[in-house]
C-alpha atoms as a PDB file:
ATOM      1  CA  MET A   1     132.934 121.523  87.916  1.00  0.00           C
ATOM      2  CA  PHE A   2     130.271 121.438  85.218  1.00  0.00           C
ATOM      3  CA  PHE A   3     126.684 122.078  86.111  1.00  0.00           C
ATOM      4  CA  VAL A   4     123.820 121.802  83.737  1.00  0.00           C
ATOM      5  CA  ASN A   5     120.926 122.088  86.123  1.00  0.00           C
ATOM      6  CA  ARG A   6     122.489 123.683  89.154  1.00  0.00           C
ATOM      7  CA  PRO A   7     125.808 124.396  90.874  1.00  0.00           C
ATOM      8  CA  ARG A   8     127.125 121.597  93.035  1.00  0.00           C
ATOM      9  CA  ASP A   9     127.621 122.016  96.763  1.00  0.00           C
ATOM     10  CA  THR A  10     130.959 123.748  96.918  1.00  0.00           C
ATOM     11  CA  ASP A  11     132.710 126.751  98.338  1.00  0.00           C
ATOM     12  CA  GLU A  12     134.024 127.725  94.905  1.00  0.00           C
ATOM     13  CA  THR A  13     132.745 131.042  93.607  1.00  0.00           C
ATOM     14  CA  ILE A  14     133.522 130.464  89.937  1.00  0.00           C
ATOM     15  CA  SER A  15     132.902 127.472  87.711  1.00  0.00           C
ATOM     16  CA  LEU A  16     133.945 126.724  84.121  1.00  0.00           C
ATOM     17  CA  LEU A  17     130.843 125.640  82.210  1.00  0.00           C
ATOM     18  CA  LEU A  18     131.946 125.483  78.579  1.00  0.00           C
ATOM     19  CA  ASP A  19     135.540 125.651  77.381  1.00  0.00           C
ATOM     20  CA  ASP A  20     136.518 128.176  74.713  1.00  0.00           C
ATOM     21  CA  ALA A  21     137.535 125.293  72.429  1.00  0.00           C
ATOM     22  CA  ARG A  22     133.856 125.282  71.397  1.00  0.00           C
ATOM     23  CA  GLY A  23     134.381 128.736  69.879  1.00  0.00           C
ATOM     24  CA  ILE A  24     131.261 130.186  68.248  1.00  0.00           C
ATOM     25  CA  TYR A  25     129.288 127.117  69.299  1.00  0.00           C
ATOM     26  CA  ILE A  26     129.275 127.970  73.030  1.00  0.00           C
ATOM     27  CA  PRO A  27     125.826 129.618  72.799  1.00  0.00           C
ATOM     28  CA  GLN A  28     124.465 126.645  70.859  1.00  0.00           C
ATOM     29  CA  ALA A  29     125.950 124.195  73.397  1.00  0.00           C
ATOM     30  CA  PHE A  30     124.327 126.139  76.220  1.00  0.00           C
ATOM     31  CA  TYR A  31     120.993 126.092  74.398  1.00  0.00           C
ATOM     32  CA  ASN A  32     121.167 122.355  73.727  1.00  0.00           C
ATOM     33  CA  ASN A  33     122.523 121.165  77.088  1.00  0.00           C
ATOM     34  CA  PHE A  34     121.529 123.472  79.924  1.00  0.00           C
ATOM     35  CA  ASP A  35     118.316 123.547  81.912  1.00  0.00           C
ATOM     36  CA  PHE A  36     116.804 126.948  81.154  1.00  0.00           C
ATOM     37  CA  PRO A  37     114.263 127.098  84.014  1.00  0.00           C
ATOM     38  CA  SER A  38     116.991 126.560  86.616  1.00  0.00           C
ATOM     39  CA  TRP A  39     118.696 129.673  85.204  1.00  0.00           C
ATOM     40  CA  GLY A  40     115.460 131.687  85.303  1.00  0.00           C
ATOM     41  CA  LEU A  41     115.049 131.487  81.522  1.00  0.00           C
ATOM     42  CA  LYS A  42     112.565 130.138  78.978  1.00  0.00           C
ATOM     43  CA  SER A  43     114.222 128.224  76.151  1.00  0.00           C
ATOM     44  CA  ASP A  44     111.531 129.438  73.718  1.00  0.00           C
ATOM     45  CA  ASP A  45     112.861 132.985  74.180  1.00  0.00           C
ATOM     46  CA  TYR A  46     116.300 131.932  72.927  1.00  0.00           C
ATOM     47  CA  MET A  47     115.534 129.622  69.980  1.00  0.00           C
ATOM     48  CA  GLU A  48     117.937 131.598  67.768  1.00  0.00           C
ATOM     49  CA  LEU A  49     120.797 129.989  69.712  1.00  0.00           C
ATOM     50  CA  SER A  50     120.050 126.631  68.103  1.00  0.00           C
ATOM     51  CA  ASP A  51     121.552 127.927  64.851  1.00  0.00           C
ATOM     52  CA  PRO A  52     124.918 129.752  64.839  1.00  0.00           C
ATOM     53  CA  ASN A  53     124.040 131.104  61.379  1.00  0.00           C
ATOM     54  CA  ASN A  54     120.946 132.906  62.662  1.00  0.00           C
ATOM     55  CA  GLU A  55     121.335 136.666  62.153  1.00  0.00           C
ATOM     56  CA  ASN A  56     120.270 137.293  65.777  1.00  0.00           C
ATOM     57  CA  TYR A  57     122.536 134.628  67.310  1.00  0.00           C
ATOM     58  CA  TRP A  58     124.961 136.984  69.070  1.00  0.00           C
ATOM     59  CA  GLU A  59     122.350 139.559  70.065  1.00  0.00           C
ATOM     60  CA  VAL A  60     120.242 136.840  71.690  1.00  0.00           C
ATOM     61  CA  TRP A  61     123.315 135.314  73.350  1.00  0.00           C
ATOM     62  CA  ASN A  62     124.261 138.675  74.886  1.00  0.00           C
ATOM     63  CA  ALA A  63     120.703 139.050  76.199  1.00  0.00           C
ATOM     64  CA  LEU A  64     120.885 135.593  77.770  1.00  0.00           C
ATOM     65  CA  LEU A  65     124.199 136.442  79.450  1.00  0.00           C
ATOM     66  CA  ARG A  66     122.606 139.551  80.981  1.00  0.00           C
ATOM     67  CA  GLU A  67     119.425 137.801  82.132  1.00  0.00           C
ATOM     68  CA  ALA A  68     120.501 134.349  83.349  1.00  0.00           C
ATOM     69  CA  GLU A  69     120.581 133.826  87.121  1.00  0.00           C
ATOM     70  CA  TYR A  70     120.726 130.646  89.133  1.00  0.00           C
ATOM     71  CA  HIS A  71     119.404 131.039  92.683  1.00  0.00           C
ATOM     72  CA  GLU A  72     121.107 128.595  95.014  1.00  0.00           C
ATOM     73  CA  ALA A  73     119.045 127.176  97.855  1.00  0.00           C
ATOM     74  CA  PRO A  74     120.122 128.528 101.251  1.00  0.00           C
ATOM     75  CA  LYS A  75     122.442 126.297 103.221  1.00  0.00           C
ATOM     76  CA  GLN A  76     121.539 125.373 106.762  1.00  0.00           C
ATOM     77  CA  GLY A  77     121.701 128.447 108.969  1.00  0.00           C
ATOM     78  CA  GLU A  78     121.607 130.901 106.061  1.00  0.00           C
ATOM     79  CA  ALA A  79     118.651 133.155 105.327  1.00  0.00           C
ATOM     80  CA  ILE A  80     119.233 133.259 101.556  1.00  0.00           C
ATOM     81  CA  GLY A  81     121.313 131.356  99.035  1.00  0.00           C
ATOM     82  CA  HIS A  82     123.859 132.681  96.609  1.00  0.00           C
ATOM     83  CA  VAL A  83     123.046 133.860  93.107  1.00  0.00           C
ATOM     84  CA  TRP A  84     125.132 132.743  90.133  1.00  0.00           C
ATOM     85  CA  HIS A  85     125.357 134.595  86.823  1.00  0.00           C
ATOM     86  CA  LEU A  86     126.993 133.791  83.511  1.00  0.00           C
ATOM     87  CA  GLU A  87     130.058 135.489  82.112  1.00  0.00           C
ATOM     88  CA  GLN A  88     131.942 134.754  78.921  1.00  0.00           C
ATOM     89  CA  ASP A  89     135.615 135.548  78.595  1.00  0.00           C
ATOM     90  CA  GLY A  90     136.467 133.102  75.824  1.00  0.00           C
ATOM     91  CA  SER A  91     135.119 130.207  77.910  1.00  0.00           C
ATOM     92  CA  LEU A  92     131.736 130.387  79.627  1.00  0.00           C
ATOM     93  CA  PHE A  93     131.795 130.661  83.410  1.00  0.00           C
ATOM     94  CA  ALA A  94     129.263 130.729  86.211  1.00  0.00           C
ATOM     95  CA  ILE A  95     130.211 133.372  88.769  1.00  0.00           C
ATOM     96  CA  ARG A  96     128.771 133.408  92.282  1.00  0.00           C
ATOM     97  CA  ASP A  97     127.616 136.729  93.725  1.00  0.00           C
ATOM     98  CA  ASP A  98     130.382 136.729  96.370  1.00  0.00           C
ATOM     99  CA  HIS A  99     133.261 136.174  93.928  1.00  0.00           C
ATOM    100  CA  GLU A 100     135.893 138.695  95.010  1.00  0.00           C
ATOM    101  CA  SER A 101     137.825 139.308  91.817  1.00  0.00           C
ATOM    102  CA  ASP A 102     136.893 141.503  88.880  1.00  0.00           C
ATOM    103  CA  GLU A 103     138.767 139.132  86.624  1.00  0.00           C
ATOM    104  CA  ILE A 104     137.975 135.507  85.881  1.00  0.00           C
ATOM    105  CA  ASP A 105     140.589 133.307  87.531  1.00  0.00           C
END
């Protein structure tokens, strides 16, 4: 599953967003291809990610990983929806708030 704007309707609690084959360009790929407002972010705050040679590239990327949250709309019969956050362990993943493992599957 790959979601740029939002997670798809699914019962999965983890989703691969960007494969580690992109290496140091994962932050740049996120900046260029993902919808920042849907993750609660403003792209202007993360302009350094457009250039992997920027001296603040990794600092800004770590801030984005801490701050990004996607709030899923509640499903029928639910009071609130799930919240997704980003985690990078080589590849970039979206992890839903009810994911039960401490490790990325």
